[in-house]
Amino acid sequence: IVRACFPNAQIVIDRFHMIQMLTRSFNSLRVKVMKTFDKRSRQYQLLKSPWKLYLKKYDELEKVHPRYNWHYKDCLNWHYKDCLTQAQVVTEGINTSTALENSYNLM
């Protein structure tokens, strides 16, 4: 029907919509992987609470100063694994799934 109305139209893909499509696709995969884990698990929390970190370029993530976050607790005891840099959060999060890791690297 579109071709009948606009016979000479050209299909154009611009950079903005390509990035938007990749971002939405990655986010839906992240949520799908996240939902395979128990809500109290470390993996679930690594994929849920810092979701905006996964949308940043890896080069722009903080790699030096770790921050404590109680969401990342493995058990009830405080542990050094609860203090992570932004890069460590993203790396540990994408390592929960090969598909997620491949998608992040593609994006």
PDB file of N, CA and C in Angstrom:
ATOM      1  N   ILE A   1       0.829  -1.200   0.000  1.00  0.00           N
ATOM      2  CA  ILE A   1       0.000   0.000   0.000  1.00  0.00           C
ATOM      3  C   ILE A   1       0.876   1.269   0.000  1.00  0.00           C
ATOM      4  N   VAL A   2       2.004   1.223   0.737  1.00  0.00           N
ATOM      5  CA  VAL A   2       2.910   2.369   0.774  1.00  0.00           C
ATOM      6  C   VAL A   2       3.533   2.583  -0.592  1.00  0.00           C
ATOM      7  N   ARG A   3       3.918   1.493  -1.257  1.00  0.00           N
ATOM      8  CA  ARG A   3       4.545   1.583  -2.571  1.00  0.00           C
ATOM      9  C   ARG A   3       3.579   2.197  -3.591  1.00  0.00           C
ATOM     10  N   ALA A   4       2.277   1.922  -3.438  1.00  0.00           N
ATOM     11  CA  ALA A   4       1.283   2.481  -4.357  1.00  0.00           C
ATOM     12  C   ALA A   4       1.153   3.994  -4.158  1.00  0.00           C
ATOM     13  N   CYS A   5       1.240   4.451  -2.922  1.00  0.00           N
ATOM     14  CA  CYS A   5       1.117   5.880  -2.624  1.00  0.00           C
ATOM     15  C   CYS A   5       2.396   6.642  -2.939  1.00  0.00           C
ATOM     16  N   PHE A   6       3.540   5.995  -2.721  1.00  0.00           N
ATOM     17  CA  PHE A   6       4.844   6.642  -2.923  1.00  0.00           C
ATOM     18  C   PHE A   6       5.737   5.751  -3.784  1.00  0.00           C
ATOM     19  N   PRO A   7       5.480   5.715  -5.085  1.00  0.00           N
ATOM     20  CA  PRO A   7       6.214   4.789  -5.952  1.00  0.00           C
ATOM     21  C   PRO A   7       7.710   5.111  -6.067  1.00  0.00           C
ATOM     22  N   ASN A   8       8.110   6.359  -5.877  1.00  0.00           N
ATOM     23  CA  ASN A   8       9.513   6.740  -6.030  1.00  0.00           C
ATOM     24  C   ASN A   8      10.257   6.900  -4.700  1.00  0.00           C
ATOM     25  N   ALA A   9       9.635   6.495  -3.603  1.00  0.00           N
ATOM     26  CA  ALA A   9      10.259   6.660  -2.288  1.00  0.00           C
ATOM     27  C   ALA A   9      11.434   5.700  -2.124  1.00  0.00           C
ATOM     28  N   GLN A  10      12.448   6.175  -1.399  1.00  0.00           N
ATOM     29  CA  GLN A  10      13.601   5.335  -1.089  1.00  0.00           C
ATOM     30  C   GLN A  10      13.603   5.035   0.409  1.00  0.00           C
ATOM     31  N   ILE A  11      13.967   3.819   0.741  1.00  0.00           N
ATOM     32  CA  ILE A  11      14.061   3.446   2.151  1.00  0.00           C
ATOM     33  C   ILE A  11      15.428   3.895   2.660  1.00  0.00           C
ATOM     34  N   VAL A  12      15.403   4.661   3.764  1.00  0.00           N
ATOM     35  CA  VAL A  12      16.627   5.210   4.317  1.00  0.00           C
ATOM     36  C   VAL A  12      16.743   4.782   5.783  1.00  0.00           C
ATOM     37  N   ILE A  13      17.925   4.344   6.155  1.00  0.00           N
ATOM     38  CA  ILE A  13      18.195   4.008   7.553  1.00  0.00           C
ATOM     39  C   ILE A  13      19.220   5.007   8.048  1.00  0.00           C
ATOM     40  N   ASP A  14      18.856   5.736   9.092  1.00  0.00           N
ATOM     41  CA  ASP A  14      19.798   6.715   9.630  1.00  0.00           C
ATOM     42  C   ASP A  14      20.447   6.168  10.897  1.00  0.00           C
ATOM     43  N   ARG A  15      21.517   6.806  11.306  1.00  0.00           N
ATOM     44  CA  ARG A  15      22.312   6.355  12.439  1.00  0.00           C
ATOM     45  C   ARG A  15      21.499   6.330  13.732  1.00  0.00           C
ATOM     46  N   PHE A  16      20.701   7.358  13.979  1.00  0.00           N
ATOM     47  CA  PHE A  16      19.916   7.440  15.212  1.00  0.00           C
ATOM     48  C   PHE A  16      19.005   6.231  15.371  1.00  0.00           C
ATOM     49  N   HIS A  17      18.254   5.906  14.317  1.00  0.00           N
ATOM     50  CA  HIS A  17      17.300   4.805  14.423  1.00  0.00           C
ATOM     51  C   HIS A  17      18.005   3.446  14.479  1.00  0.00           C
ATOM     52  N   MET A  18      19.179   3.353  13.893  1.00  0.00           N
ATOM     53  CA  MET A  18      19.947   2.115  13.981  1.00  0.00           C
ATOM     54  C   MET A  18      20.423   1.895  15.423  1.00  0.00           C
ATOM     55  N   ILE A  19      20.952   2.942  16.055  1.00  0.00           N
ATOM     56  CA  ILE A  19      21.396   2.856  17.448  1.00  0.00           C
ATOM     57  C   ILE A  19      20.212   2.584  18.372  1.00  0.00           C
ATOM     58  N   GLN A  20      19.089   3.237  18.108  1.00  0.00           N
ATOM     59  CA  GLN A  20      17.888   3.020  18.910  1.00  0.00           C
ATOM     60  C   GLN A  20      17.431   1.565  18.830  1.00  0.00           C
ATOM     61  N   MET A  21      17.474   1.003  17.640  1.00  0.00           N
ATOM     62  CA  MET A  21      17.071  -0.385  17.454  1.00  0.00           C
ATOM     63  C   MET A  21      18.027  -1.339  18.187  1.00  0.00           C
ATOM     64  N   LEU A  22      19.323  -1.079  18.094  1.00  0.00           N
ATOM     65  CA  LEU A  22      20.306  -1.906  18.803  1.00  0.00           C
ATOM     66  C   LEU A  22      20.120  -1.811  20.315  1.00  0.00           C
ATOM     67  N   THR A  23      19.891  -0.604  20.820  1.00  0.00           N
ATOM     68  CA  THR A  23      19.721  -0.385  22.251  1.00  0.00           C
ATOM     69  C   THR A  23      18.482  -1.102  22.771  1.00  0.00           C
ATOM     70  N   ARG A  24      17.388  -0.982  22.072  1.00  0.00           N
ATOM     71  CA  ARG A  24      16.147  -1.651  22.498  1.00  0.00           C
ATOM     72  C   ARG A  24      16.295  -3.170  22.454  1.00  0.00           C
ATOM     73  N   SER A  25      16.952  -3.646  21.430  1.00  0.00           N
ATOM     74  CA  SER A  25      17.168  -5.074  21.298  1.00  0.00           C
ATOM     75  C   SER A  25      18.052  -5.598  22.434  1.00  0.00           C
ATOM     76  N   PHE A  26      19.129  -4.875  22.734  1.00  0.00           N
ATOM     77  CA  PHE A  26      20.013  -5.283  23.831  1.00  0.00           C
ATOM     78  C   PHE A  26      19.273  -5.258  25.159  1.00  0.00           C
ATOM     79  N   ASN A  27      18.492  -4.202  25.404  1.00  0.00           N
ATOM     80  CA  ASN A  27      17.751  -4.093  26.667  1.00  0.00           C
ATOM     81  C   ASN A  27      16.746  -5.223  26.834  1.00  0.00           C
ATOM     82  N   SER A  28      16.064  -5.594  25.774  1.00  0.00           N
ATOM     83  CA  SER A  28      15.097  -6.688  25.893  1.00  0.00           C
ATOM     84  C   SER A  28      15.813  -8.014  26.163  1.00  0.00           C
ATOM     85  N   LEU A  29      16.992  -8.209  25.565  1.00  0.00           N
ATOM     86  CA  LEU A  29      17.769  -9.409  25.852  1.00  0.00           C
ATOM     87  C   LEU A  29      18.275  -9.398  27.293  1.00  0.00           C
ATOM     88  N   ARG A  30      18.728  -8.239  27.777  1.00  0.00           N
ATOM     89  CA  ARG A  30      19.197  -8.111  29.158  1.00  0.00           C
ATOM     90  C   ARG A  30      18.089  -8.488  30.134  1.00  0.00           C
ATOM     91  N   VAL A  31      16.892  -7.996  29.897  1.00  0.00           N
ATOM     92  CA  VAL A  31      15.753  -8.292  30.775  1.00  0.00           C
ATOM     93  C   VAL A  31      15.393  -9.777  30.690  1.00  0.00           C
ATOM     94  N   LYS A  32      15.441 -10.348  29.505  1.00  0.00           N
ATOM     95  CA  LYS A  32      15.136 -11.770  29.332  1.00  0.00           C
ATOM     96  C   LYS A  32      16.129 -12.635  30.113  1.00  0.00           C
ATOM     97  N   VAL A  33      17.411 -12.308  30.014  1.00  0.00           N
ATOM     98  CA  VAL A  33      18.438 -13.042  30.760  1.00  0.00           C
ATOM     99  C   VAL A  33      18.260 -12.809  32.257  1.00  0.00           C
ATOM    100  N   MET A  34      17.986 -11.568  32.643  1.00  0.00           N
ATOM    101  CA  MET A  34      17.817 -11.205  34.048  1.00  0.00           C
ATOM    102  C   MET A  34      16.703 -12.031  34.693  1.00  0.00           C
ATOM    103  N   LYS A  35      15.621 -12.240  33.973  1.00  0.00           N
ATOM    104  CA  LYS A  35      14.465 -12.951  34.514  1.00  0.00           C
ATOM    105  C   LYS A  35      14.704 -14.444  34.682  1.00  0.00           C
ATOM    106  N   THR A  36      15.826 -14.954  34.163  1.00  0.00           N
ATOM    107  CA  THR A  36      16.138 -16.369  34.365  1.00  0.00           C
ATOM    108  C   THR A  36      16.735 -16.616  35.748  1.00  0.00           C
ATOM    109  N   PHE A  37      17.132 -15.549  36.437  1.00  0.00           N
ATOM    110  CA  PHE A  37      17.746 -15.666  37.756  1.00  0.00           C
ATOM    111  C   PHE A  37      16.730 -15.324  38.843  1.00  0.00           C
ATOM    112  N   ASP A  38      17.005 -15.824  40.041  1.00  0.00           N
ATOM    113  CA  ASP A  38      16.204 -15.498  41.214  1.00  0.00           C
ATOM    114  C   ASP A  38      16.364 -14.000  41.518  1.00  0.00           C
ATOM    115  N   LYS A  39      15.280 -13.355  41.934  1.00  0.00           N
ATOM    116  CA  LYS A  39      15.318 -11.910  42.177  1.00  0.00           C
ATOM    117  C   LYS A  39      16.298 -11.508  43.266  1.00  0.00           C
ATOM    118  N   ARG A  40      16.650 -12.406  44.153  1.00  0.00           N
ATOM    119  CA  ARG A  40      17.594 -12.093  45.218  1.00  0.00           C
ATOM    120  C   ARG A  40      19.036 -12.415  44.844  1.00  0.00           C
ATOM    121  N   SER A  41      19.237 -12.958  43.656  1.00  0.00           N
ATOM    122  CA  SER A  41      20.582 -13.371  43.268  1.00  0.00           C
ATOM    123  C   SER A  41      21.442 -12.180  42.843  1.00  0.00           C
ATOM    124  N   ARG A  42      22.727 -12.373  42.946  1.00  0.00           N
ATOM    125  CA  ARG A  42      23.701 -11.356  42.538  1.00  0.00           C
ATOM    126  C   ARG A  42      23.580 -11.058  41.041  1.00  0.00           C
ATOM    127  N   GLN A  43      23.415 -12.107  40.244  1.00  0.00           N
ATOM    128  CA  GLN A  43      23.316 -11.928  38.790  1.00  0.00           C
ATOM    129  C   GLN A  43      22.116 -11.061  38.419  1.00  0.00           C
ATOM    130  N   TYR A  44      20.983 -11.323  39.056  1.00  0.00           N
ATOM    131  CA  TYR A  44      19.773 -10.541  38.793  1.00  0.00           C
ATOM    132  C   TYR A  44      20.018  -9.069  39.112  1.00  0.00           C
ATOM    133  N   GLN A  45      20.610  -8.810  40.279  1.00  0.00           N
ATOM    134  CA  GLN A  45      20.846  -7.431  40.699  1.00  0.00           C
ATOM    135  C   GLN A  45      21.874  -6.730  39.809  1.00  0.00           C
ATOM    136  N   LEU A  46      22.882  -7.463  39.343  1.00  0.00           N
ATOM    137  CA  LEU A  46      23.876  -6.867  38.448  1.00  0.00           C
ATOM    138  C   LEU A  46      23.264  -6.458  37.114  1.00  0.00           C
ATOM    139  N   LEU A  47      22.228  -7.166  36.694  1.00  0.00           N
ATOM    140  CA  LEU A  47      21.589  -6.852  35.418  1.00  0.00           C
ATOM    141  C   LEU A  47      20.440  -5.861  35.565  1.00  0.00           C
ATOM    142  N   LYS A  48      19.875  -5.747  36.766  1.00  0.00           N
ATOM    143  CA  LYS A  48      18.707  -4.887  36.954  1.00  0.00           C
ATOM    144  C   LYS A  48      19.032  -3.457  37.374  1.00  0.00           C
ATOM    145  N   SER A  49      19.608  -3.300  38.546  1.00  0.00           N
ATOM    146  CA  SER A  49      19.743  -1.956  39.109  1.00  0.00           C
ATOM    147  C   SER A  49      20.642  -1.010  38.305  1.00  0.00           C
ATOM    148  N   PRO A  50      21.769  -1.462  37.771  1.00  0.00           N
ATOM    149  CA  PRO A  50      22.605  -0.502  37.029  1.00  0.00           C
ATOM    150  C   PRO A  50      22.370  -0.562  35.519  1.00  0.00           C
ATOM    151  N   TRP A  51      21.125  -0.674  35.079  1.00  0.00           N
ATOM    152  CA  TRP A  51      20.847  -0.892  33.654  1.00  0.00           C
ATOM    153  C   TRP A  51      21.407   0.191  32.750  1.00  0.00           C
ATOM    154  N   LYS A  52      21.525   1.416  33.263  1.00  0.00           N
ATOM    155  CA  LYS A  52      22.045   2.507  32.423  1.00  0.00           C
ATOM    156  C   LYS A  52      23.525   2.328  32.098  1.00  0.00           C
ATOM    157  N   LEU A  53      24.244   1.629  32.956  1.00  0.00           N
ATOM    158  CA  LEU A  53      25.672   1.399  32.697  1.00  0.00           C
ATOM    159  C   LEU A  53      25.881   0.588  31.420  1.00  0.00           C
ATOM    160  N   TYR A  54      24.965  -0.316  31.128  1.00  0.00           N
ATOM    161  CA  TYR A  54      25.097  -1.167  29.948  1.00  0.00           C
ATOM    162  C   TYR A  54      24.911  -0.385  28.649  1.00  0.00           C
ATOM    163  N   LEU A  55      24.369   0.822  28.748  1.00  0.00           N
ATOM    164  CA  LEU A  55      24.146   1.646  27.564  1.00  0.00           C
ATOM    165  C   LEU A  55      25.297   2.614  27.311  1.00  0.00           C
ATOM    166  N   LYS A  56      26.201   2.739  28.274  1.00  0.00           N
ATOM    167  CA  LYS A  56      27.364   3.612  28.107  1.00  0.00           C
ATOM    168  C   LYS A  56      28.447   2.879  27.322  1.00  0.00           C
ATOM    169  N   LYS A  57      29.299   3.653  26.660  1.00  0.00           N
ATOM    170  CA  LYS A  57      30.455   3.057  26.002  1.00  0.00           C
ATOM    171  C   LYS A  57      31.389   2.524  27.068  1.00  0.00           C
ATOM    172  N   TYR A  58      31.995   1.382  26.804  1.00  0.00           N
ATOM    173  CA  TYR A  58      32.869   0.766  27.801  1.00  0.00           C
ATOM    174  C   TYR A  58      34.013   1.699  28.188  1.00  0.00           C
ATOM    175  N   ASP A  59      34.519   2.476  27.239  1.00  0.00           N
ATOM    176  CA  ASP A  59      35.624   3.399  27.513  1.00  0.00           C
ATOM    177  C   ASP A  59      35.232   4.507  28.489  1.00  0.00           C
ATOM    178  N   GLU A  60      33.942   4.794  28.603  1.00  0.00           N
ATOM    179  CA  GLU A  60      33.468   5.863  29.480  1.00  0.00           C
ATOM    180  C   GLU A  60      33.103   5.367  30.881  1.00  0.00           C
ATOM    181  N   LEU A  61      33.197   4.077  31.126  1.00  0.00           N
ATOM    182  CA  LEU A  61      32.869   3.534  32.443  1.00  0.00           C
ATOM    183  C   LEU A  61      34.014   3.762  33.424  1.00  0.00           C
ATOM    184  N   GLU A  62      33.663   3.970  34.688  1.00  0.00           N
ATOM    185  CA  GLU A  62      34.653   4.143  35.757  1.00  0.00           C
ATOM    186  C   GLU A  62      35.369   2.813  35.973  1.00  0.00           C
ATOM    187  N   LYS A  63      36.700   2.849  35.917  1.00  0.00           N
ATOM    188  CA  LYS A  63      37.479   1.624  36.051  1.00  0.00           C
ATOM    189  C   LYS A  63      38.422   1.631  37.257  1.00  0.00           C
ATOM    190  N   VAL A  64      38.467   2.737  38.009  1.00  0.00           N
ATOM    191  CA  VAL A  64      39.454   2.871  39.070  1.00  0.00           C
ATOM    192  C   VAL A  64      38.836   2.804  40.466  1.00  0.00           C
ATOM    193  N   HIS A  65      37.760   3.530  40.680  1.00  0.00           N
ATOM    194  CA  HIS A  65      37.195   3.676  42.027  1.00  0.00           C
ATOM    195  C   HIS A  65      35.995   2.747  42.230  1.00  0.00           C
ATOM    196  N   PRO A  66      36.188   1.650  42.973  1.00  0.00           N
ATOM    197  CA  PRO A  66      35.050   0.760  43.242  1.00  0.00           C
ATOM    198  C   PRO A  66      34.076   1.392  44.228  1.00  0.00           C
ATOM    199  N   ARG A  67      32.822   1.078  44.064  1.00  0.00           N
ATOM    200  CA  ARG A  67      31.768   1.578  44.950  1.00  0.00           C
ATOM    201  C   ARG A  67      31.054   0.401  45.590  1.00  0.00           C
ATOM    202  N   TYR A  68      30.695   0.576  46.843  1.00  0.00           N
ATOM    203  CA  TYR A  68      29.939  -0.458  47.555  1.00  0.00           C
ATOM    204  C   TYR A  68      28.475  -0.364  47.148  1.00  0.00           C
ATOM    205  N   ASN A  69      27.854  -1.503  46.919  1.00  0.00           N
ATOM    206  CA  ASN A  69      26.429  -1.551  46.640  1.00  0.00           C
ATOM    207  C   ASN A  69      25.862  -2.805  47.289  1.00  0.00           C
ATOM    208  N   TRP A  70      24.957  -2.634  48.201  1.00  0.00           N
ATOM    209  CA  TRP A  70      24.402  -3.775  48.941  1.00  0.00           C
ATOM    210  C   TRP A  70      23.616  -4.719  48.041  1.00  0.00           C
ATOM    211  N   HIS A  71      23.179  -4.275  46.868  1.00  0.00           N
ATOM    212  CA  HIS A  71      22.455  -5.151  45.940  1.00  0.00           C
ATOM    213  C   HIS A  71      23.317  -6.318  45.460  1.00  0.00           C
ATOM    214  N   TYR A  72      24.627  -6.111  45.417  1.00  0.00           N
ATOM    215  CA  TYR A  72      25.513  -7.102  44.821  1.00  0.00           C
ATOM    216  C   TYR A  72      25.990  -8.160  45.802  1.00  0.00           C
ATOM    217  N   LYS A  73      25.435  -8.164  47.003  1.00  0.00           N
ATOM    218  CA  LYS A  73      25.879  -9.126  48.009  1.00  0.00           C
ATOM    219  C   LYS A  73      25.626 -10.548  47.523  1.00  0.00           C
ATOM    220  N   ASP A  74      26.629 -11.371  47.712  1.00  0.00           N
ATOM    221  CA  ASP A  74      26.521 -12.777  47.375  1.00  0.00           C
ATOM    222  C   ASP A  74      25.815 -13.527  48.496  1.00  0.00           C
ATOM    223  N   CYS A  75      26.057 -13.107  49.713  1.00  0.00           N
ATOM    224  CA  CYS A  75      25.431 -13.706  50.884  1.00  0.00           C
ATOM    225  C   CYS A  75      25.241 -12.598  51.915  1.00  0.00           C
ATOM    226  N   LEU A  76      24.960 -12.937  53.123  1.00  0.00           N
ATOM    227  CA  LEU A  76      24.675 -11.918  54.127  1.00  0.00           C
ATOM    228  C   LEU A  76      25.929 -11.244  54.681  1.00  0.00           C
ATOM    229  N   ASN A  77      27.094 -11.778  54.402  1.00  0.00           N
ATOM    230  CA  ASN A  77      28.338 -11.196  54.904  1.00  0.00           C
ATOM    231  C   ASN A  77      28.879 -10.159  53.933  1.00  0.00           C
ATOM    232  N   TRP A  78      29.391  -9.041  54.471  1.00  0.00           N
ATOM    233  CA  TRP A  78      30.022  -8.028  53.633  1.00  0.00           C
ATOM    234  C   TRP A  78      31.283  -8.632  53.056  1.00  0.00           C
ATOM    235  N   HIS A  79      31.542  -8.378  51.806  1.00  0.00           N
ATOM    236  CA  HIS A  79      32.662  -9.004  51.130  1.00  0.00           C
ATOM    237  C   HIS A  79      33.227  -8.022  50.115  1.00  0.00           C
ATOM    238  N   TYR A  80      34.489  -8.193  49.751  1.00  0.00           N
ATOM    239  CA  TYR A  80      35.102  -7.284  48.789  1.00  0.00           C
ATOM    240  C   TYR A  80      34.391  -7.313  47.444  1.00  0.00           C
ATOM    241  N   LYS A  81      33.691  -8.418  47.130  1.00  0.00           N
ATOM    242  CA  LYS A  81      32.987  -8.519  45.852  1.00  0.00           C
ATOM    243  C   LYS A  81      31.799  -7.561  45.780  1.00  0.00           C
ATOM    244  N   ASP A  82      31.430  -6.974  46.933  1.00  0.00           N
ATOM    245  CA  ASP A  82      30.323  -6.017  46.942  1.00  0.00           C
ATOM    246  C   ASP A  82      30.777  -4.646  46.465  1.00  0.00           C
ATOM    247  N   CYS A  83      32.072  -4.411  46.400  1.00  0.00           N
ATOM    248  CA  CYS A  83      32.636  -3.148  45.928  1.00  0.00           C
ATOM    249  C   CYS A  83      33.129  -3.339  44.503  1.00  0.00           C
ATOM    250  N   LEU A  84      32.442  -2.729  43.563  1.00  0.00           N
ATOM    251  CA  LEU A  84      32.783  -2.905  42.157  1.00  0.00           C
ATOM    252  C   LEU A  84      32.871  -1.553  41.452  1.00  0.00           C
ATOM    253  N   THR A  85      33.750  -1.472  40.466  1.00  0.00           N
ATOM    254  CA  THR A  85      33.760  -0.303  39.593  1.00  0.00           C
ATOM    255  C   THR A  85      32.637  -0.487  38.580  1.00  0.00           C
ATOM    256  N   GLN A  86      32.322   0.570  37.847  1.00  0.00           N
ATOM    257  CA  GLN A  86      31.285   0.460  36.820  1.00  0.00           C
ATOM    258  C   GLN A  86      31.668  -0.581  35.775  1.00  0.00           C
ATOM    259  N   ALA A  87      32.935  -0.600  35.389  1.00  0.00           N
ATOM    260  CA  ALA A  87      33.395  -1.566  34.383  1.00  0.00           C
ATOM    261  C   ALA A  87      33.257  -2.995  34.898  1.00  0.00           C
ATOM    262  N   GLN A  88      33.530  -3.220  36.186  1.00  0.00           N
ATOM    263  CA  GLN A  88      33.394  -4.556  36.762  1.00  0.00           C
ATOM    264  C   GLN A  88      31.932  -4.994  36.804  1.00  0.00           C
ATOM    265  N   VAL A  89      31.040  -4.060  37.091  1.00  0.00           N
ATOM    266  CA  VAL A  89      29.606  -4.376  37.110  1.00  0.00           C
ATOM    267  C   VAL A  89      29.175  -4.850  35.730  1.00  0.00           C
ATOM    268  N   VAL A  90      29.544  -4.093  34.703  1.00  0.00           N
ATOM    269  CA  VAL A  90      29.149  -4.439  33.334  1.00  0.00           C
ATOM    270  C   VAL A  90      29.786  -5.761  32.911  1.00  0.00           C
ATOM    271  N   THR A  91      31.057  -5.926  33.193  1.00  0.00           N
ATOM    272  CA  THR A  91      31.747  -7.157  32.800  1.00  0.00           C
ATOM    273  C   THR A  91      31.135  -8.377  33.474  1.00  0.00           C
ATOM    274  N   GLU A  92      30.904  -8.288  34.773  1.00  0.00           N
ATOM    275  CA  GLU A  92      30.304  -9.418  35.496  1.00  0.00           C
ATOM    276  C   GLU A  92      28.867  -9.661  35.036  1.00  0.00           C
ATOM    277  N   GLY A  93      28.148  -8.586  34.728  1.00  0.00           N
ATOM    278  CA  GLY A  93      26.769  -8.729  34.260  1.00  0.00           C
ATOM    279  C   GLY A  93      26.671  -9.404  32.909  1.00  0.00           C
ATOM    280  N   ILE A  94      27.489  -8.980  31.962  1.00  0.00           N
ATOM    281  CA  ILE A  94      27.398  -9.581  30.619  1.00  0.00           C
ATOM    282  C   ILE A  94      27.970 -10.992  30.592  1.00  0.00           C
ATOM    283  N   ASN A  95      28.803 -11.324  31.568  1.00  0.00           N
ATOM    284  CA  ASN A  95      29.353 -12.681  31.620  1.00  0.00           C
ATOM    285  C   ASN A  95      28.326 -13.715  32.094  1.00  0.00           C
ATOM    286  N   THR A  96      27.141 -13.284  32.478  1.00  0.00           N
ATOM    287  CA  THR A  96      26.106 -14.224  32.907  1.00  0.00           C
ATOM    288  C   THR A  96      25.494 -14.966  31.725  1.00  0.00           C
ATOM    289  N   SER A  97      25.717 -14.447  30.514  1.00  0.00           N
ATOM    290  CA  SER A  97      25.137 -15.064  29.320  1.00  0.00           C
ATOM    291  C   SER A  97      26.028 -14.794  28.112  1.00  0.00           C
ATOM    292  N   THR A  98      26.289 -15.839  27.343  1.00  0.00           N
ATOM    293  CA  THR A  98      27.105 -15.683  26.135  1.00  0.00           C
ATOM    294  C   THR A  98      26.400 -14.777  25.129  1.00  0.00           C
ATOM    295  N   ALA A  99      25.094 -14.944  24.991  1.00  0.00           N
ATOM    296  CA  ALA A  99      24.339 -14.113  24.056  1.00  0.00           C
ATOM    297  C   ALA A  99      24.387 -12.644  24.470  1.00  0.00           C
ATOM    298  N   LEU A 100      24.295 -12.397  25.754  1.00  0.00           N
ATOM    299  CA  LEU A 100      24.347 -11.027  26.269  1.00  0.00           C
ATOM    300  C   LEU A 100      25.730 -10.432  26.042  1.00  0.00           C
ATOM    301  N   GLU A 101      26.760 -11.211  26.276  1.00  0.00           N
ATOM    302  CA  GLU A 101      28.125 -10.745  26.060  1.00  0.00           C
ATOM    303  C   GLU A 101      28.364 -10.418  24.583  1.00  0.00           C
ATOM    304  N   ASN A 102      27.904 -11.295  23.695  1.00  0.00           N
ATOM    305  CA  ASN A 102      28.067 -11.051  22.260  1.00  0.00           C
ATOM    306  C   ASN A 102      27.296  -9.819  21.805  1.00  0.00           C
ATOM    307  N   SER A 103      26.089  -9.642  22.321  1.00  0.00           N
ATOM    308  CA  SER A 103      25.275  -8.481  21.959  1.00  0.00           C
ATOM    309  C   SER A 103      25.902  -7.189  22.458  1.00  0.00           C
ATOM    310  N   TYR A 104      26.426  -7.209  23.682  1.00  0.00           N
ATOM    311  CA  TYR A 104      27.073  -6.014  24.237  1.00  0.00           C
ATOM    312  C   TYR A 104      28.292  -5.645  23.384  1.00  0.00           C
ATOM    313  N   ASN A 105      29.096  -6.637  23.040  1.00  0.00           N
ATOM    314  CA  ASN A 105      30.290  -6.359  22.238  1.00  0.00           C
ATOM    315  C   ASN A 105      29.933  -5.863  20.839  1.00  0.00           C
ATOM    316  N   LEU A 106      28.841  -6.370  20.283  1.00  0.00           N
ATOM    317  CA  LEU A 106      28.385  -5.880  18.971  1.00  0.00           C
ATOM    318  C   LEU A 106      27.895  -4.447  19.059  1.00  0.00           C
ATOM    319  N   MET A 107      27.153  -4.167  20.130  1.00  0.00           N
ATOM    320  CA  MET A 107      26.593  -2.825  20.309  1.00  0.00           C
ATOM    321  C   MET A 107      27.712  -1.821  20.554  1.00  0.00           C
TER     322      MET A 107
END
